[in-house]
């Protein structure tokens, strides 16, 4: 699974838990609403500075954006129910 998707799932979960809309979170972070939406869709690659702003607005530590993706039901669905992410074998 792509790291941006893991971030997206976790940020969306934290945002909903705090009762923020995307627009409300964007206002609290002083970031554009469409940027927040892009991060939650996994199409934006936020900087560490942007992640810090989002984490501060959600009153979480920035590391909370990176828990094991298997810890959330949403992430389990992304991996198709597998306990661990698929591995790639590289052969010459």
Protein backbone atom coordinates (compact mmCIF):
# COMPACT_ATOMS: atom_id res chain seq x y z
CA UNK A 1 0.00 0.00 0.00
CA UNK A 2 1.21 3.44 -0.84
CA UNK A 3 2.28 5.66 2.05
CA UNK A 4 -0.03 8.47 0.88
CA UNK A 5 -3.03 6.12 1.16
CA UNK A 6 -2.04 5.16 4.71
CA UNK A 7 -1.77 8.83 5.58
CA UNK A 8 -5.12 9.54 3.91
CA UNK A 9 -6.97 6.84 5.87
CA UNK A 10 -5.50 7.94 9.19
CA UNK A 11 -6.04 11.67 8.70
CA UNK A 12 -9.63 11.14 7.64
CA UNK A 13 -10.24 8.97 10.72
CA UNK A 14 -8.78 11.61 13.05
CA UNK A 15 -10.68 14.44 11.33
CA UNK A 16 -14.01 12.64 11.66
CA UNK A 17 -13.28 11.70 15.28
CA UNK A 18 -12.79 15.40 16.10
CA UNK A 19 -16.00 16.33 14.27
CA UNK A 20 -14.33 18.50 11.63
CA UNK A 21 -15.53 18.86 8.08
CA UNK A 22 -12.79 19.16 5.47
CA UNK A 23 -13.59 22.85 5.24
CA UNK A 24 -13.45 23.31 9.02
CA UNK A 25 -10.11 21.53 9.26
CA UNK A 26 -8.73 23.56 6.38
CA UNK A 27 -9.77 26.78 8.12
CA UNK A 28 -8.16 25.66 11.39
CA UNK A 29 -4.92 24.77 9.54
CA UNK A 30 -4.95 27.81 7.26
CA UNK A 31 -4.72 25.46 4.29
CA UNK A 32 -7.03 25.45 1.27
CA UNK A 33 -10.01 23.10 1.48
CA UNK A 34 -9.13 21.35 -1.79
CA UNK A 35 -5.64 20.59 -0.48
CA UNK A 36 -7.11 18.79 2.55
CA UNK A 37 -9.40 16.85 0.20
CA UNK A 38 -6.41 15.88 -1.95
CA UNK A 39 -4.46 14.64 1.06
CA UNK A 40 -7.46 12.54 2.16
CA UNK A 41 -7.77 11.05 -1.32
CA UNK A 42 -4.08 10.20 -1.37
CA UNK A 43 -3.32 12.35 -4.41
CA UNK A 44 -1.43 15.10 -2.56
CA UNK A 45 2.01 14.66 -1.06
CA UNK A 46 2.02 17.02 1.94
CA UNK A 47 5.23 18.40 3.39
CA UNK A 48 6.27 17.86 7.00
CA UNK A 49 5.25 21.47 7.69
CA UNK A 50 1.74 20.87 6.37
CA UNK A 51 1.43 17.63 8.35
CA UNK A 52 2.47 19.50 11.49
CA UNK A 53 -0.25 22.13 10.87
CA UNK A 54 -2.87 19.43 10.38
CA UNK A 55 -1.74 17.48 13.45
CA UNK A 56 -1.80 20.66 15.57
CA UNK A 57 -5.34 21.47 14.44
CA UNK A 58 -6.47 17.91 15.23
CA UNK A 59 -4.67 18.02 18.59
CA UNK A 60 -2.66 14.89 17.80
CA UNK A 61 1.03 14.22 17.46
CA UNK A 62 2.29 14.06 13.88
CA UNK A 63 3.31 10.44 14.46
CA UNK A 64 -0.38 9.60 14.93
CA UNK A 65 -0.76 9.94 11.18
CA UNK A 66 1.41 6.84 10.70
CA UNK A 67 0.04 3.97 12.82
CA UNK A 68 0.06 0.55 11.33
CA UNK A 69 -2.55 0.55 8.59
CA UNK A 70 -3.82 -2.83 9.80
CA UNK A 71 -5.02 -1.06 12.96
CA UNK A 72 -8.00 0.51 11.19
CA UNK A 73 -10.89 -1.26 9.46
CA UNK A 74 -10.57 1.12 6.50
CA UNK A 75 -6.97 0.10 5.91
CA UNK A 76 -7.83 -3.59 6.20
CA UNK A 77 -10.31 -3.07 3.39
CA UNK A 78 -7.68 -1.42 1.23
CA UNK A 79 -5.46 -4.48 1.52
CA UNK A 80 -8.32 -6.81 0.72
CA UNK A 81 -8.54 -8.34 4.19
CA UNK A 82 -4.91 -9.50 4.27
CA UNK A 83 -3.18 -9.05 7.60
CA UNK A 84 0.00 -7.67 6.05
CA UNK A 85 0.61 -5.63 2.92
CA UNK A 86 1.51 -7.55 -0.20
CA UNK A 87 5.21 -8.14 -0.68
CA UNK A 88 7.03 -7.91 -3.93
CA UNK A 89 9.63 -10.38 -5.00
CA UNK A 90 12.35 -9.00 -7.16
CA UNK A 91 14.09 -11.40 -9.44
CA UNK A 92 16.78 -10.53 -11.96
